Amino acid sequence: MRVFDIPLHPPGDTWRVSQLDGWHHSFDGRPGAVSFAEKLAARLESTDGGAYLSIEGEDGKWRLFTPALKAPV
């Protein structure tokens, strides 16, 4: 299983999403990082034990989401 972490305020205000091959993509905004991670997770959903997004809320709590951005069942 793979989990993509999306913080609320990353260091340097640059959101990074790492791919399985070790490369990462950088984004100036959180929406771009979430969208990219969502697409990566959707591709991995049926392989490698699945993938999820862990997104930090404004309250500082981390919440887990499926590639469809829904809470896992």
Protein backbone atom coordinates (compact mmCIF):
# COMPACT_ATOMS: atom_id res chain seq x y z
CA MET A 1 0.00 0.00 0.00
CA ARG A 2 1.18 3.50 -0.83
CA VAL A 3 0.19 6.71 1.00
CA PHE A 4 0.71 10.19 -0.44
CA ASP A 5 1.04 12.84 2.30
CA ILE A 6 -0.27 16.32 1.53
CA PRO A 7 0.51 18.77 4.36
CA LEU A 8 -1.39 21.98 5.00
CA HIS A 9 1.75 24.16 5.06
CA PRO A 10 4.89 22.41 3.77
CA PRO A 11 8.38 23.82 4.30
CA GLY A 12 9.10 26.55 1.78
CA ASP A 13 5.46 26.54 0.63
CA THR A 14 6.30 23.88 -1.98
CA TRP A 15 4.17 20.75 -2.04
CA ARG A 16 6.03 17.64 -3.23
CA VAL A 17 4.50 14.38 -4.37
CA SER A 18 6.89 11.45 -4.77
CA GLN A 19 6.36 8.80 -7.42
CA LEU A 20 7.24 5.15 -7.01
CA ASP A 21 10.36 5.52 -9.18
CA GLY A 22 11.87 8.03 -6.74
CA TRP A 23 11.13 11.13 -8.80
CA HIS A 24 8.96 13.83 -7.29
CA HIS A 25 6.87 16.64 -8.64
CA SER A 26 6.74 20.04 -6.96
CA PHE A 27 3.71 22.30 -6.83
CA ASP A 28 3.26 25.93 -5.81
CA GLY A 29 -0.23 25.22 -4.48
CA ARG A 30 -1.95 22.50 -2.54
CA PRO A 31 -4.76 21.90 -5.11
CA GLY A 32 -2.21 20.91 -7.76
CA ALA A 33 -0.49 18.51 -5.39
CA VAL A 34 -3.78 16.92 -4.35
CA SER A 35 -4.90 16.53 -7.98
CA PHE A 36 -1.59 14.93 -8.99
CA ALA A 37 -1.55 12.59 -5.98
CA GLU A 38 -5.17 11.65 -6.66
CA LYS A 39 -4.28 10.58 -10.22
CA LEU A 40 -1.25 8.60 -9.06
CA ALA A 41 -3.30 6.87 -6.36
CA ALA A 42 -6.03 6.00 -8.89
CA ARG A 43 -3.44 4.30 -11.10
CA LEU A 44 -2.15 2.29 -8.14
CA GLU A 45 -5.58 1.44 -6.74
CA SER A 46 -5.69 -2.07 -8.20
CA THR A 47 -1.98 -2.83 -7.78
CA ASP A 48 0.64 -2.69 -5.04
CA GLY A 49 -2.01 -3.04 -2.32
CA GLY A 50 -3.73 0.18 -3.32
CA ALA A 51 -2.98 3.79 -2.58
CA TYR A 52 -4.42 6.53 -0.39
CA LEU A 53 -3.99 10.23 0.22
CA SER A 54 -3.28 11.48 3.73
CA ILE A 55 -4.30 15.14 3.87
CA GLU A 56 -3.63 17.48 6.80
CA GLY A 57 -6.62 19.59 7.80
CA GLU A 58 -6.64 23.12 9.18
CA ASP A 59 -7.09 21.59 12.64
CA GLY A 60 -3.71 19.84 12.29
CA LYS A 61 -5.27 16.37 12.00
CA TRP A 62 -4.32 14.03 9.17
CA ARG A 63 -7.16 12.26 7.39
CA LEU A 64 -7.00 9.33 5.01
CA PHE A 65 -8.79 9.44 1.64
CA THR A 66 -9.24 7.06 -1.28
CA PRO A 67 -8.19 8.10 -4.80
CA ALA A 68 -11.81 9.32 -5.25
CA LEU A 69 -11.20 11.67 -2.28
CA LYS A 70 -13.65 9.81 -0.08
CA ALA A 71 -13.06 8.44 3.40
CA PRO A 72 -12.05 4.76 3.24
CA VAL A 73 -14.68 2.27 4.33
